[in-house]
Amino acid sequence: MTLKELEARVQIIEDTEAIKKLQRAYSYYLQHWQEDEIMSLFSKKTDISIEIADSGLLKGRKGVKTFFTYQDTFCAKTATPPKEFLHLLFPLAGIVDVDPGGKTAKGRWYGFGMITVPPPEGKAQANLGCGIWENEYVKEDGKWKFKKINYNVVFNTPFK
């Protein structure tokens, strides 16, 4: 194997690890519903999007930002999540494919977790769920960012 081939392999490994770290950062910020930090993980380009289950496809920075604005997403009366809010979604068994040229990539992950979203009225219900992310990434200024997040629910059931 030539030095050039080894350098290319190392670059793919470094890119894959950076994308895994990006996916984990997304899960952390989602857990704490840190809207600005979540948005910082997305590309600055206009062709970004997010689609979660059957919630609809939201395009562009404005659309994605709308999804991550707590009051819009959960129809709550407060702009920040209440203390009963819990949103743990762990990225598991990730497969990352970096495209030739190292500027774009795709990733597929299981997302397993727990969520408790207090309704505007009544008692909060804890749910257990699992889904599959099929995401696209783009490298901008040497850093990997989300281009598209697509999460399809496999199951979602009350914890009881």
Protein backbone atom coordinates (compact mmCIF):
# COMPACT_ATOMS: atom_id res chain seq x y z
CA MET A 1 0.00 0.00 0.00
CA THR A 2 1.33 3.43 -0.91
CA LEU A 3 1.63 6.40 1.41
CA LYS A 4 -1.12 8.18 -0.55
CA GLU A 5 -3.47 5.19 -0.10
CA LEU A 6 -2.71 5.06 3.63
CA GLU A 7 -3.38 8.78 3.98
CA ALA A 8 -6.73 8.34 2.20
CA ARG A 9 -7.67 5.49 4.57
CA VAL A 10 -6.72 7.54 7.62
CA GLN A 11 -8.83 10.45 6.33
CA ILE A 12 -11.89 8.20 5.95
CA ILE A 13 -11.40 6.90 9.50
CA GLU A 14 -11.06 10.45 10.86
CA ASP A 15 -14.14 11.59 8.92
CA THR A 16 -16.16 8.61 10.17
CA GLU A 17 -15.17 9.32 13.77
CA ALA A 18 -16.07 13.02 13.36
CA ILE A 19 -19.52 12.07 12.02
CA LYS A 20 -20.07 9.67 14.94
CA LYS A 21 -19.17 12.48 17.33
CA LEU A 22 -21.59 14.81 15.50
CA GLN A 23 -24.40 12.27 15.89
CA ARG A 24 -23.68 11.87 19.61
CA ALA A 25 -23.59 15.66 20.08
CA TYR A 26 -27.00 15.87 18.43
CA SER A 27 -28.38 13.31 20.89
CA TYR A 28 -26.91 15.19 23.85
CA TYR A 29 -28.31 18.55 22.75
CA LEU A 30 -31.65 16.90 22.00
CA GLN A 31 -31.74 15.44 25.52
CA HIS A 32 -31.37 18.92 26.99
CA TRP A 33 -33.34 20.58 24.17
CA GLN A 34 -30.56 23.05 23.45
CA GLU A 35 -32.01 24.63 20.31
CA ASP A 36 -29.07 26.88 19.40
CA GLU A 37 -26.53 24.10 19.88
CA ILE A 38 -28.65 21.73 17.76
CA MET A 39 -28.84 24.32 14.98
CA SER A 40 -25.06 24.76 15.10
CA LEU A 41 -24.74 21.13 14.02
CA PHE A 42 -26.51 21.81 10.70
CA SER A 43 -24.95 23.02 7.48
CA LYS A 44 -25.16 26.73 6.75
CA LYS A 45 -26.46 25.87 3.28
CA THR A 46 -30.12 26.33 2.42
CA ASP A 47 -30.79 22.74 1.38
CA ILE A 48 -30.91 21.29 4.91
CA SER A 49 -33.99 19.40 6.08
CA ILE A 50 -35.47 17.32 8.86
CA GLU A 51 -38.23 14.73 8.79
CA ILE A 52 -39.22 12.90 11.96
CA ALA A 53 -41.69 10.04 11.44
CA ASP A 54 -44.81 11.46 9.83
CA SER A 55 -44.37 15.00 11.17
CA GLY A 56 -43.71 16.34 7.68
CA LEU A 57 -40.60 17.43 5.83
CA LEU A 58 -39.22 20.75 7.06
CA LYS A 59 -36.73 22.43 4.73
CA GLY A 60 -34.17 25.19 5.08
CA ARG A 61 -32.83 26.79 8.25
CA LYS A 62 -36.19 28.34 9.09
CA GLY A 63 -38.01 25.02 8.77
CA VAL A 64 -35.44 23.10 10.80
CA LYS A 65 -35.36 25.84 13.46
CA THR A 66 -39.16 25.65 13.69
CA PHE A 67 -38.94 21.95 14.50
CA PHE A 68 -36.47 22.56 17.31
CA THR A 69 -38.39 25.43 18.86
CA TYR A 70 -39.93 23.79 21.91
CA GLN A 71 -43.27 25.59 21.93
CA ASP A 72 -43.87 24.92 18.22
CA THR A 73 -42.88 21.27 18.46
CA PHE A 74 -44.92 20.26 21.48
CA CYS A 75 -47.60 22.96 21.57
CA ALA A 76 -46.58 23.89 25.09
CA LYS A 77 -47.36 27.18 26.78
CA THR A 78 -43.72 27.82 27.70
CA ALA A 79 -40.77 28.56 25.43
CA THR A 80 -38.49 26.13 27.30
CA PRO A 81 -39.13 22.54 28.31
CA PRO A 82 -40.73 22.04 31.75
CA LYS A 83 -38.85 20.10 34.44
CA GLU A 84 -40.79 16.90 33.61
CA PHE A 85 -39.43 16.90 30.06
CA LEU A 86 -37.11 14.01 29.19
CA HIS A 87 -35.83 13.17 25.74
CA LEU A 88 -33.07 10.55 25.67
CA LEU A 89 -32.33 9.14 22.24
CA PHE A 90 -29.14 7.12 21.94
CA PRO A 91 -27.47 6.58 18.55
CA LEU A 92 -26.63 2.89 18.28
CA ALA A 93 -25.00 0.58 15.70
CA GLY A 94 -24.07 3.42 13.36
CA ILE A 95 -22.87 2.75 9.85
CA VAL A 96 -21.19 5.69 8.14
CA ASP A 97 -20.28 5.79 4.46
CA VAL A 98 -18.05 8.67 3.40
CA ASP A 99 -18.39 9.39 -0.32
CA PRO A 100 -15.32 9.49 -2.56
CA GLY A 101 -13.81 12.93 -2.29
CA GLY A 102 -14.67 13.20 1.41
CA LYS A 103 -17.17 16.08 1.10
CA THR A 104 -20.43 14.21 1.78
CA ALA A 105 -21.48 11.13 3.71
CA LYS A 106 -24.50 9.08 4.73
CA GLY A 107 -25.19 7.41 8.04
CA ARG A 108 -27.72 4.91 9.34
CA TRP A 109 -28.29 4.52 13.07
CA TYR A 110 -30.75 3.00 15.47
CA GLY A 111 -32.13 5.55 17.87
CA PHE A 112 -33.29 3.94 21.10
CA GLY A 113 -34.59 5.96 23.97
CA MET A 114 -37.12 7.31 26.40
CA ILE A 115 -39.24 10.41 26.21
CA THR A 116 -41.56 12.17 28.61
CA VAL A 117 -43.34 15.17 27.24
CA PRO A 118 -45.79 16.83 29.59
CA PRO A 119 -48.98 17.70 27.72
CA PRO A 120 -50.41 21.22 28.10
CA GLU A 121 -52.90 19.69 30.54
CA GLY A 122 -52.84 16.43 32.47
CA LYS A 123 -50.12 14.07 33.62
CA ALA A 124 -46.94 13.41 31.68
CA GLN A 125 -46.53 9.93 30.21
CA ALA A 126 -43.18 8.21 29.77
CA ASN A 127 -42.65 6.40 26.47
CA LEU A 128 -40.05 3.94 25.27
CA GLY A 129 -39.18 4.02 21.61
CA CYS A 130 -36.88 3.05 18.80
CA GLY A 131 -36.36 4.33 15.30
CA ILE A 132 -33.89 4.45 12.47
CA TRP A 133 -32.01 7.55 11.40
CA GLU A 134 -31.02 7.81 7.74
CA ASN A 135 -28.98 11.00 7.70
CA GLU A 136 -26.87 12.90 5.21
CA TYR A 137 -23.82 14.91 6.17
CA VAL A 138 -21.68 17.53 4.46
CA LYS A 139 -18.18 18.76 5.25
CA GLU A 140 -17.97 22.56 5.53
CA ASP A 141 -14.79 24.38 6.37
CA GLY A 142 -13.24 21.11 7.52
CA LYS A 143 -16.13 20.21 9.89
CA TRP A 144 -18.92 17.70 9.39
CA LYS A 145 -22.48 19.04 9.62
CA PHE A 146 -25.96 17.64 9.12
CA LYS A 147 -27.52 18.15 5.72
CA LYS A 148 -30.57 15.97 6.28
CA ILE A 149 -31.98 14.20 9.31
CA ASN A 150 -34.60 11.56 8.64
CA TYR A 151 -35.89 9.54 11.60
CA ASN A 152 -38.41 6.74 11.08
CA VAL A 153 -40.12 5.33 14.16
CA VAL A 154 -39.99 1.55 14.57
CA PHE A 155 -42.00 1.56 17.80
CA ASN A 156 -43.16 3.95 20.47
CA THR A 157 -45.03 2.62 23.49
CA PRO A 158 -45.96 3.79 27.00
CA PHE A 159 -43.35 2.73 29.54
CA LYS A 160 -45.99 0.88 31.56
